[in-house]
Amino acid sequence: MSTLSRDEVARVAALARIDLRPEELDRLAGELVVIVDAIAEVSAVATPDVPATSHPLPLSNVFRDDVPVAPLDIDAVMASAPASEDGRFLVPQILGEDS
């Protein structure tokens, strides 16, 4: 079982530019010991024949072929819009700013 002193926690907090109150230093020292011990336990179990994993199931991305197609017709798109102006969608102003 490892131990982390209050001074070590304060030094790490200072390096990370985290301002901790004295009671936080004491609490974090205890919490960090639990974390360090858990990491040590996992490291002790890890063997060279077991590959490191970031996810329990194999993941793979599914990509479709990138095939260029003709763009939508602007007039047809604007015809289905509630309002348009100069080939753009016209929406109500919500911020009260002048355009």
PDB file of N, CA and C in Angstrom:
ATOM      1  N   MET A   1       0.853  -1.180   0.000  1.00  0.00           N
ATOM      2  CA  MET A   1       0.000   0.000   0.000  1.00  0.00           C
ATOM      3  C   MET A   1       0.893   1.234   0.000  1.00  0.00           C
ATOM      4  N   SER A   2       0.629   2.118  -0.931  1.00  0.00           N
ATOM      5  CA  SER A   2       1.421   3.335  -1.026  1.00  0.00           C
ATOM      6  C   SER A   2       0.834   4.423  -0.128  1.00  0.00           C
ATOM      7  N   THR A   3       1.644   5.405   0.117  1.00  0.00           N
ATOM      8  CA  THR A   3       1.155   6.547   0.896  1.00  0.00           C
ATOM      9  C   THR A   3       1.560   7.825   0.168  1.00  0.00           C
ATOM     10  N   LEU A   4       0.679   8.765   0.189  1.00  0.00           N
ATOM     11  CA  LEU A   4       0.958  10.083  -0.358  1.00  0.00           C
ATOM     12  C   LEU A   4       0.813  11.083   0.777  1.00  0.00           C
ATOM     13  N   SER A   5       1.832  11.863   0.947  1.00  0.00           N
ATOM     14  CA  SER A   5       1.764  12.840   2.027  1.00  0.00           C
ATOM     15  C   SER A   5       0.978  14.059   1.588  1.00  0.00           C
ATOM     16  N   ARG A   6       0.575  14.798   2.558  1.00  0.00           N
ATOM     17  CA  ARG A   6      -0.145  16.063   2.313  1.00  0.00           C
ATOM     18  C   ARG A   6       0.743  17.016   1.508  1.00  0.00           C
ATOM     19  N   ASP A   7       2.039  16.998   1.785  1.00  0.00           N
ATOM     20  CA  ASP A   7       2.978  17.867   1.071  1.00  0.00           C
ATOM     21  C   ASP A   7       3.093  17.477  -0.405  1.00  0.00           C
ATOM     22  N   GLU A   8       3.080  16.161  -0.682  1.00  0.00           N
ATOM     23  CA  GLU A   8       3.141  15.713  -2.078  1.00  0.00           C
ATOM     24  C   GLU A   8       1.891  16.146  -2.853  1.00  0.00           C
ATOM     25  N   VAL A   9       0.742  16.034  -2.214  1.00  0.00           N
ATOM     26  CA  VAL A   9      -0.502  16.465  -2.853  1.00  0.00           C
ATOM     27  C   VAL A   9      -0.463  17.971  -3.092  1.00  0.00           C
ATOM     28  N   ALA A  10       0.037  18.718  -2.130  1.00  0.00           N
ATOM     29  CA  ALA A  10       0.141  20.176  -2.287  1.00  0.00           C
ATOM     30  C   ALA A  10       1.093  20.531  -3.421  1.00  0.00           C
ATOM     31  N   ARG A  11       2.187  19.785  -3.562  1.00  0.00           N
ATOM     32  CA  ARG A  11       3.146  20.056  -4.635  1.00  0.00           C
ATOM     33  C   ARG A  11       2.535  19.778  -6.003  1.00  0.00           C
ATOM     34  N   VAL A  12       1.828  18.662  -6.120  1.00  0.00           N
ATOM     35  CA  VAL A  12       1.175  18.335  -7.390  1.00  0.00           C
ATOM     36  C   VAL A  12       0.082  19.352  -7.708  1.00  0.00           C
ATOM     37  N   ALA A  13      -0.667  19.756  -6.708  1.00  0.00           N
ATOM     38  CA  ALA A  13      -1.708  20.765  -6.916  1.00  0.00           C
ATOM     39  C   ALA A  13      -1.089  22.085  -7.370  1.00  0.00           C
ATOM     40  N   ALA A  14       0.049  22.448  -6.795  1.00  0.00           N
ATOM     41  CA  ALA A  14       0.722  23.684  -7.198  1.00  0.00           C
ATOM     42  C   ALA A  14       1.220  23.580  -8.633  1.00  0.00           C
ATOM     43  N   LEU A  15       1.743  22.413  -9.024  1.00  0.00           N
ATOM     44  CA  LEU A  15       2.189  22.218 -10.402  1.00  0.00           C
ATOM     45  C   LEU A  15       1.025  22.339 -11.390  1.00  0.00           C
ATOM     46  N   ALA A  16      -0.147  21.869 -10.961  1.00  0.00           N
ATOM     47  CA  ALA A  16      -1.339  21.943 -11.809  1.00  0.00           C
ATOM     48  C   ALA A  16      -2.058  23.282 -11.654  1.00  0.00           C
ATOM     49  N   ARG A  17      -1.490  24.141 -10.824  1.00  0.00           N
ATOM     50  CA  ARG A  17      -2.076  25.460 -10.553  1.00  0.00           C
ATOM     51  C   ARG A  17      -3.500  25.348 -10.005  1.00  0.00           C
ATOM     52  N   ILE A  18      -3.658  24.425  -9.057  1.00  0.00           N
ATOM     53  CA  ILE A  18      -4.939  24.225  -8.384  1.00  0.00           C
ATOM     54  C   ILE A  18      -4.766  24.686  -6.943  1.00  0.00           C
ATOM     55  N   ASP A  19      -5.587  25.611  -6.531  1.00  0.00           N
ATOM     56  CA  ASP A  19      -5.523  26.139  -5.168  1.00  0.00           C
ATOM     57  C   ASP A  19      -6.443  25.307  -4.280  1.00  0.00           C
ATOM     58  N   LEU A  20      -5.851  24.578  -3.344  1.00  0.00           N
ATOM     59  CA  LEU A  20      -6.630  23.714  -2.454  1.00  0.00           C
ATOM     60  C   LEU A  20      -6.569  24.218  -1.022  1.00  0.00           C
ATOM     61  N   ARG A  21      -7.706  24.084  -0.352  1.00  0.00           N
ATOM     62  CA  ARG A  21      -7.763  24.426   1.069  1.00  0.00           C
ATOM     63  C   ARG A  21      -7.130  23.280   1.871  1.00  0.00           C
ATOM     64  N   PRO A  22      -6.693  23.541   3.107  1.00  0.00           N
ATOM     65  CA  PRO A  22      -6.043  22.485   3.910  1.00  0.00           C
ATOM     66  C   PRO A  22      -6.889  21.216   4.055  1.00  0.00           C
ATOM     67  N   GLU A  23      -8.185  21.373   4.263  1.00  0.00           N
ATOM     68  CA  GLU A  23      -9.032  20.180   4.415  1.00  0.00           C
ATOM     69  C   GLU A  23      -9.151  19.398   3.105  1.00  0.00           C
ATOM     70  N   GLU A  24      -9.050  20.099   1.970  1.00  0.00           N
ATOM     71  CA  GLU A  24      -9.075  19.418   0.685  1.00  0.00           C
ATOM     72  C   GLU A  24      -7.788  18.622   0.467  1.00  0.00           C
ATOM     73  N   LEU A  25      -6.661  19.155   0.918  1.00  0.00           N
ATOM     74  CA  LEU A  25      -5.390  18.445   0.798  1.00  0.00           C
ATOM     75  C   LEU A  25      -5.444  17.117   1.548  1.00  0.00           C
ATOM     76  N   ASP A  26      -5.988  17.155   2.759  1.00  0.00           N
ATOM     77  CA  ASP A  26      -6.082  15.931   3.563  1.00  0.00           C
ATOM     78  C   ASP A  26      -7.005  14.911   2.893  1.00  0.00           C
ATOM     79  N   ARG A  27      -8.156  15.369   2.418  1.00  0.00           N
ATOM     80  CA  ARG A  27      -9.128  14.475   1.781  1.00  0.00           C
ATOM     81  C   ARG A  27      -8.549  13.887   0.494  1.00  0.00           C
ATOM     82  N   LEU A  28      -7.936  14.728  -0.339  1.00  0.00           N
ATOM     83  CA  LEU A  28      -7.381  14.248  -1.606  1.00  0.00           C
ATOM     84  C   LEU A  28      -6.206  13.306  -1.407  1.00  0.00           C
ATOM     85  N   ALA A  29      -5.422  13.510  -0.360  1.00  0.00           N
ATOM     86  CA  ALA A  29      -4.309  12.595  -0.086  1.00  0.00           C
ATOM     87  C   ALA A  29      -4.848  11.184   0.106  1.00  0.00           C
ATOM     88  N   GLY A  30      -5.921  11.042   0.874  1.00  0.00           N
ATOM     89  CA  GLY A  30      -6.537   9.732   1.090  1.00  0.00           C
ATOM     90  C   GLY A  30      -7.138   9.154  -0.178  1.00  0.00           C
ATOM     91  N   GLU A  31      -7.813  10.000  -0.969  1.00  0.00           N
ATOM     92  CA  GLU A  31      -8.442   9.535  -2.207  1.00  0.00           C
ATOM     93  C   GLU A  31      -7.397   9.125  -3.248  1.00  0.00           C
ATOM     94  N   LEU A  32      -6.314   9.880  -3.334  1.00  0.00           N
ATOM     95  CA  LEU A  32      -5.283   9.564  -4.303  1.00  0.00           C
ATOM     96  C   LEU A  32      -4.551   8.272  -3.954  1.00  0.00           C
ATOM     97  N   VAL A  33      -4.413   7.974  -2.680  1.00  0.00           N
ATOM     98  CA  VAL A  33      -3.798   6.704  -2.270  1.00  0.00           C
ATOM     99  C   VAL A  33      -4.637   5.537  -2.793  1.00  0.00           C
ATOM    100  N   VAL A  34      -5.953   5.650  -2.708  1.00  0.00           N
ATOM    101  CA  VAL A  34      -6.838   4.586  -3.202  1.00  0.00           C
ATOM    102  C   VAL A  34      -6.655   4.424  -4.715  1.00  0.00           C
ATOM    103  N   ILE A  35      -6.557   5.549  -5.439  1.00  0.00           N
ATOM    104  CA  ILE A  35      -6.384   5.498  -6.892  1.00  0.00           C
ATOM    105  C   ILE A  35      -5.033   4.876  -7.257  1.00  0.00           C
ATOM    106  N   VAL A  36      -3.979   5.304  -6.599  1.00  0.00           N
ATOM    107  CA  VAL A  36      -2.639   4.768  -6.877  1.00  0.00           C
ATOM    108  C   VAL A  36      -2.593   3.276  -6.581  1.00  0.00           C
ATOM    109  N   ASP A  37      -3.211   2.850  -5.497  1.00  0.00           N
ATOM    110  CA  ASP A  37      -3.238   1.427  -5.162  1.00  0.00           C
ATOM    111  C   ASP A  37      -4.012   0.624  -6.212  1.00  0.00           C
ATOM    112  N   ALA A  38      -5.108   1.171  -6.724  1.00  0.00           N
ATOM    113  CA  ALA A  38      -5.894   0.480  -7.746  1.00  0.00           C
ATOM    114  C   ALA A  38      -5.084   0.335  -9.029  1.00  0.00           C
ATOM    115  N   ILE A  39      -4.348   1.361  -9.394  1.00  0.00           N
ATOM    116  CA  ILE A  39      -3.506   1.297 -10.592  1.00  0.00           C
ATOM    117  C   ILE A  39      -2.399   0.270 -10.399  1.00  0.00           C
ATOM    118  N   ALA A  40      -1.821   0.231  -9.220  1.00  0.00           N
ATOM    119  CA  ALA A  40      -0.767  -0.746  -8.941  1.00  0.00           C
ATOM    120  C   ALA A  40      -1.319  -2.168  -9.017  1.00  0.00           C
ATOM    121  N   GLU A  41      -2.532  -2.367  -8.548  1.00  0.00           N
ATOM    122  CA  GLU A  41      -3.144  -3.694  -8.580  1.00  0.00           C
ATOM    123  C   GLU A  41      -3.399  -4.130 -10.025  1.00  0.00           C
ATOM    124  N   VAL A  42      -3.897  -3.222 -10.855  1.00  0.00           N
ATOM    125  CA  VAL A  42      -4.132  -3.550 -12.265  1.00  0.00           C
ATOM    126  C   VAL A  42      -2.803  -3.813 -12.966  1.00  0.00           C
ATOM    127  N   SER A  43      -1.799  -3.018 -12.663  1.00  0.00           N
ATOM    128  CA  SER A  43      -0.487  -3.207 -13.281  1.00  0.00           C
ATOM    129  C   SER A  43       0.116  -4.552 -12.893  1.00  0.00           C
ATOM    130  N   ALA A  44      -0.131  -5.000 -11.686  1.00  0.00           N
ATOM    131  CA  ALA A  44       0.406  -6.281 -11.240  1.00  0.00           C
ATOM    132  C   ALA A  44      -0.269  -7.447 -11.974  1.00  0.00           C
ATOM    133  N   VAL A  45      -1.532  -7.290 -12.334  1.00  0.00           N
ATOM    134  CA  VAL A  45      -2.273  -8.352 -13.010  1.00  0.00           C
ATOM    135  C   VAL A  45      -1.958  -8.365 -14.498  1.00  0.00           C
ATOM    136  N   ALA A  46      -1.696  -7.215 -15.069  1.00  0.00           N
ATOM    137  CA  ALA A  46      -1.428  -7.132 -16.509  1.00  0.00           C
ATOM    138  C   ALA A  46      -0.187  -7.940 -16.856  1.00  0.00           C
ATOM    139  N   THR A  47      -0.322  -8.768 -17.870  1.00  0.00           N
ATOM    140  CA  THR A  47       0.805  -9.587 -18.316  1.00  0.00           C
ATOM    141  C   THR A  47       1.124  -9.245 -19.771  1.00  0.00           C
ATOM    142  N   PRO A  48       2.330  -9.549 -20.220  1.00  0.00           N
ATOM    143  CA  PRO A  48       2.715  -9.214 -21.596  1.00  0.00           C
ATOM    144  C   PRO A  48       1.862  -9.912 -22.664  1.00  0.00           C
ATOM    145  N   ASP A  49       1.294 -11.077 -22.339  1.00  0.00           N
ATOM    146  CA  ASP A  49       0.514 -11.805 -23.343  1.00  0.00           C
ATOM    147  C   ASP A  49      -0.929 -11.310 -23.458  1.00  0.00           C
ATOM    148  N   VAL A  50      -1.331 -10.357 -22.605  1.00  0.00           N
ATOM    149  CA  VAL A  50      -2.670  -9.781 -22.683  1.00  0.00           C
ATOM    150  C   VAL A  50      -2.545  -8.389 -23.290  1.00  0.00           C
ATOM    151  N   PRO A  51      -3.127  -8.191 -24.480  1.00  0.00           N
ATOM    152  CA  PRO A  51      -3.002  -6.873 -25.118  1.00  0.00           C
ATOM    153  C   PRO A  51      -3.813  -5.811 -24.377  1.00  0.00           C
ATOM    154  N   ALA A  52      -3.297  -4.594 -24.399  1.00  0.00           N
ATOM    155  CA  ALA A  52      -4.013  -3.482 -23.785  1.00  0.00           C
ATOM    156  C   ALA A  52      -5.261  -3.183 -24.611  1.00  0.00           C
ATOM    157  N   THR A  53      -6.338  -2.852 -23.938  1.00  0.00           N
ATOM    158  CA  THR A  53      -7.580  -2.545 -24.634  1.00  0.00           C
ATOM    159  C   THR A  53      -8.164  -1.247 -24.099  1.00  0.00           C
ATOM    160  N   SER A  54      -8.887  -0.565 -24.971  1.00  0.00           N
ATOM    161  CA  SER A  54      -9.590   0.635 -24.530  1.00  0.00           C
ATOM    162  C   SER A  54     -11.090   0.398 -24.512  1.00  0.00           C
ATOM    163  N   HIS A  55     -11.515  -0.752 -25.073  1.00  0.00           N
ATOM    164  CA  HIS A  55     -12.935  -1.078 -25.128  1.00  0.00           C
ATOM    165  C   HIS A  55     -13.067  -2.595 -25.094  1.00  0.00           C
ATOM    166  N   PRO A  56     -14.071  -3.127 -24.395  1.00  0.00           N
ATOM    167  CA  PRO A  56     -14.171  -4.584 -24.280  1.00  0.00           C
ATOM    168  C   PRO A  56     -14.565  -5.289 -25.578  1.00  0.00           C
ATOM    169  N   LEU A  57     -15.176  -4.571 -26.505  1.00  0.00           N
ATOM    170  CA  LEU A  57     -15.586  -5.164 -27.769  1.00  0.00           C
ATOM    171  C   LEU A  57     -14.825  -4.512 -28.909  1.00  0.00           C
ATOM    172  N   PRO A  58     -14.505  -5.277 -29.937  1.00  0.00           N
ATOM    173  CA  PRO A  58     -13.809  -4.652 -31.073  1.00  0.00           C
ATOM    174  C   PRO A  58     -14.737  -3.661 -31.782  1.00  0.00           C
ATOM    175  N   LEU A  59     -14.209  -2.509 -32.105  1.00  0.00           N
ATOM    176  CA  LEU A  59     -14.984  -1.482 -32.780  1.00  0.00           C
ATOM    177  C   LEU A  59     -14.403  -1.226 -34.158  1.00  0.00           C
ATOM    178  N   SER A  60     -15.263  -0.953 -35.100  1.00  0.00           N
ATOM    179  CA  SER A  60     -14.792  -0.554 -36.417  1.00  0.00           C
ATOM    180  C   SER A  60     -15.793   0.426 -37.006  1.00  0.00           C
ATOM    181  N   ASN A  61     -15.278   1.409 -37.704  1.00  0.00           N
ATOM    182  CA  ASN A  61     -16.131   2.382 -38.360  1.00  0.00           C
ATOM    183  C   ASN A  61     -16.623   1.804 -39.679  1.00  0.00           C
ATOM    184  N   VAL A  62     -17.833   2.138 -40.024  1.00  0.00           N
ATOM    185  CA  VAL A  62     -18.404   1.713 -41.286  1.00  0.00           C
ATOM    186  C   VAL A  62     -18.472   2.946 -42.175  1.00  0.00           C
ATOM    187  N   PHE A  63     -17.711   2.916 -43.252  1.00  0.00           N
ATOM    188  CA  PHE A  63     -17.669   4.043 -44.165  1.00  0.00           C
ATOM    189  C   PHE A  63     -18.338   3.659 -45.476  1.00  0.00           C
ATOM    190  N   ARG A  64     -19.047   4.597 -46.044  1.00  0.00           N
ATOM    191  CA  ARG A  64     -19.590   4.381 -47.374  1.00  0.00           C
ATOM    192  C   ARG A  64     -18.618   4.990 -48.374  1.00  0.00           C
ATOM    193  N   ASP A  65     -18.717   4.560 -49.598  1.00  0.00           N
ATOM    194  CA  ASP A  65     -17.880   5.145 -50.637  1.00  0.00           C
ATOM    195  C   ASP A  65     -18.262   6.602 -50.829  1.00  0.00           C
ATOM    196  N   ASP A  66     -17.270   7.435 -50.991  1.00  0.00           N
ATOM    197  CA  ASP A  66     -17.495   8.853 -51.208  1.00  0.00           C
ATOM    198  C   ASP A  66     -17.662   9.090 -52.701  1.00  0.00           C
ATOM    199  N   VAL A  67     -18.921   9.099 -53.114  1.00  0.00           N
ATOM    200  CA  VAL A  67     -19.233   9.227 -54.527  1.00  0.00           C
ATOM    201  C   VAL A  67     -19.861  10.598 -54.752  1.00  0.00           C
ATOM    202  N   PRO A  68     -19.266  11.418 -55.603  1.00  0.00           N
ATOM    203  CA  PRO A  68     -19.860  12.733 -55.849  1.00  0.00           C
ATOM    204  C   PRO A  68     -21.185  12.603 -56.604  1.00  0.00           C
ATOM    205  N   VAL A  69     -22.156  13.390 -56.187  1.00  0.00           N
ATOM    206  CA  VAL A  69     -23.466  13.415 -56.842  1.00  0.00           C
ATOM    207  C   VAL A  69     -23.815  14.858 -57.154  1.00  0.00           C
ATOM    208  N   ALA A  70     -24.778  15.020 -58.010  1.00  0.00           N
ATOM    209  CA  ALA A  70     -25.203  16.372 -58.373  1.00  0.00           C
ATOM    210  C   ALA A  70     -25.855  17.039 -57.163  1.00  0.00           C
ATOM    211  N   PRO A  71     -25.589  18.344 -56.968  1.00  0.00           N
ATOM    212  CA  PRO A  71     -26.208  19.035 -55.830  1.00  0.00           C
ATOM    213  C   PRO A  71     -27.701  19.234 -56.068  1.00  0.00           C
ATOM    214  N   LEU A  72     -28.400  19.542 -54.991  1.00  0.00           N
ATOM    215  CA  LEU A  72     -29.834  19.813 -55.098  1.00  0.00           C
ATOM    216  C   LEU A  72     -30.054  21.087 -55.903  1.00  0.00           C
ATOM    217  N   ASP A  73     -31.177  21.136 -56.587  1.00  0.00           N
ATOM    218  CA  ASP A  73     -31.527  22.318 -57.361  1.00  0.00           C
ATOM    219  C   ASP A  73     -31.993  23.415 -56.389  1.00  0.00           C
ATOM    220  N   ILE A  74     -31.334  24.570 -56.434  1.00  0.00           N
ATOM    221  CA  ILE A  74     -31.643  25.675 -55.507  1.00  0.00           C
ATOM    222  C   ILE A  74     -33.103  26.091 -55.625  1.00  0.00           C
ATOM    223  N   ASP A  75     -33.615  26.204 -56.829  1.00  0.00           N
ATOM    224  CA  ASP A  75     -34.999  26.642 -57.002  1.00  0.00           C
ATOM    225  C   ASP A  75     -35.979  25.653 -56.390  1.00  0.00           C
ATOM    226  N   ALA A  76     -35.693  24.353 -56.519  1.00  0.00           N
ATOM    227  CA  ALA A  76     -36.583  23.341 -55.943  1.00  0.00           C
ATOM    228  C   ALA A  76     -36.535  23.383 -54.421  1.00  0.00           C
ATOM    229  N   VAL A  77     -35.357  23.578 -53.877  1.00  0.00           N
ATOM    230  CA  VAL A  77     -35.217  23.654 -52.415  1.00  0.00           C
ATOM    231  C   VAL A  77     -35.923  24.890 -51.881  1.00  0.00           C
ATOM    232  N   MET A  78     -35.708  26.031 -52.525  1.00  0.00           N
ATOM    233  CA  MET A  78     -36.329  27.270 -52.067  1.00  0.00           C
ATOM    234  C   MET A  78     -37.844  27.257 -52.248  1.00  0.00           C
ATOM    235  N   ALA A  79     -38.325  26.475 -53.211  1.00  0.00           N
ATOM    236  CA  ALA A  79     -39.772  26.374 -53.420  1.00  0.00           C
ATOM    237  C   ALA A  79     -40.450  25.688 -52.237  1.00  0.00           C
ATOM    238  N   SER A  80     -39.738  24.809 -51.555  1.00  0.00           N
ATOM    239  CA  SER A  80     -40.336  24.116 -50.418  1.00  0.00           C
ATOM    240  C   SER A  80     -40.097  24.849 -49.096  1.00  0.00           C
ATOM    241  N   ALA A  81     -39.341  25.939 -49.121  1.00  0.00           N
ATOM    242  CA  ALA A  81     -39.076  26.709 -47.903  1.00  0.00           C
ATOM    243  C   ALA A  81     -40.255  27.636 -47.620  1.00  0.00           C
ATOM    244  N   PRO A  82     -40.579  27.875 -46.351  1.00  0.00           N
ATOM    245  CA  PRO A  82     -41.676  28.797 -46.023  1.00  0.00           C
ATOM    246  C   PRO A  82     -41.414  30.208 -46.554  1.00  0.00           C
ATOM    247  N   ALA A  83     -40.154  30.635 -46.512  1.00  0.00           N
ATOM    248  CA  ALA A  83     -39.805  31.960 -47.020  1.00  0.00           C
ATOM    249  C   ALA A  83     -38.349  31.940 -47.454  1.00  0.00           C
ATOM    250  N   SER A  84     -38.057  32.672 -48.537  1.00  0.00           N
ATOM    251  CA  SER A  84     -36.679  32.753 -49.010  1.00  0.00           C
ATOM    252  C   SER A  84     -36.442  34.120 -49.620  1.00  0.00           C
ATOM    253  N   GLU A  85     -35.165  34.463 -49.689  1.00  0.00           N
ATOM    254  CA  GLU A  85     -34.784  35.739 -50.286  1.00  0.00           C
ATOM    255  C   GLU A  85     -33.373  35.600 -50.847  1.00  0.00           C
ATOM    256  N   ASP A  86     -33.184  35.949 -52.081  1.00  0.00           N
ATOM    257  CA  ASP A  86     -31.881  35.889 -52.748  1.00  0.00           C
ATOM    258  C   ASP A  86     -31.241  34.499 -52.669  1.00  0.00           C
ATOM    259  N   GLY A  87     -32.043  33.445 -52.804  1.00  0.00           N
ATOM    260  CA  GLY A  87     -31.513  32.085 -52.786  1.00  0.00           C
ATOM    261  C   GLY A  87     -31.126  31.585 -51.408  1.00  0.00           C
ATOM    262  N   ARG A  88     -31.627  32.233 -50.370  1.00  0.00           N
ATOM    263  CA  ARG A  88     -31.344  31.813 -48.989  1.00  0.00           C
ATOM    264  C   ARG A  88     -32.647  31.664 -48.217  1.00  0.00           C
ATOM    265  N   PHE A  89     -32.596  30.844 -47.172  1.00  0.00           N
ATOM    266  CA  PHE A  89     -33.756  30.716 -46.303  1.00  0.00           C
ATOM    267  C   PHE A  89     -33.959  32.018 -45.549  1.00  0.00           C
ATOM    268  N   LEU A  90     -35.199  32.470 -45.454  1.00  0.00           N
ATOM    269  CA  LEU A  90     -35.523  33.683 -44.716  1.00  0.00           C
ATOM    270  C   LEU A  90     -36.154  33.256 -43.401  1.00  0.00           C
ATOM    271  N   VAL A  91     -35.531  33.659 -42.302  1.00  0.00           N
ATOM    272  CA  VAL A  91     -36.020  33.283 -40.977  1.00  0.00           C
ATOM    273  C   VAL A  91     -36.271  34.543 -40.165  1.00  0.00           C
ATOM    274  N   PRO A  92     -37.139  34.465 -39.160  1.00  0.00           N
ATOM    275  CA  PRO A  92     -37.406  35.651 -38.342  1.00  0.00           C
ATOM    276  C   PRO A  92     -36.175  36.037 -37.529  1.00  0.00           C
ATOM    277  N   GLN A  93     -36.000  37.318 -37.349  1.00  0.00           N
ATOM    278  CA  GLN A  93     -34.894  37.819 -36.540  1.00  0.00           C
ATOM    279  C   GLN A  93     -35.227  37.577 -35.075  1.00  0.00           C
ATOM    280  N   ILE A  94     -34.262  37.021 -34.312  1.00  0.00           N
ATOM    281  CA  ILE A  94     -34.547  36.699 -32.914  1.00  0.00           C
ATOM    282  C   ILE A  94     -33.676  37.487 -31.935  1.00  0.00           C
ATOM    283  N   LEU A  95     -32.589  38.061 -32.390  1.00  0.00           N
ATOM    284  CA  LEU A  95     -31.676  38.734 -31.463  1.00  0.00           C
ATOM    285  C   LEU A  95     -31.880  40.245 -31.413  1.00  0.00           C
ATOM    286  N   GLY A  96     -32.710  40.782 -32.279  1.00  0.00           N
ATOM    287  CA  GLY A  96     -32.968  42.210 -32.242  1.00  0.00           C
ATOM    288  C   GLY A  96     -31.843  43.052 -32.782  1.00  0.00           C
ATOM    289  N   GLU A  97     -30.926  42.452 -33.528  1.00  0.00           N
ATOM    290  CA  GLU A  97     -29.810  43.192 -34.103  1.00  0.00           C
ATOM    291  C   GLU A  97     -30.164  43.614 -35.507  1.00  0.00           C
ATOM    292  N   ASP A  98     -29.592  44.753 -35.928  1.00  0.00           N
ATOM    293  CA  ASP A  98     -29.797  45.200 -37.291  1.00  0.00           C
ATOM    294  C   ASP A  98     -28.971  44.351 -38.225  1.00  0.00           C
ATOM    295  N   SER A  99     -29.533  44.061 -39.388  1.00  0.00           N
ATOM    296  CA  SER A  99     -28.785  43.241 -40.350  1.00  0.00           C
ATOM    297  C   SER A  99     -28.038  44.082 -41.343  1.00  0.00           C
TER     298      SER A  99
END
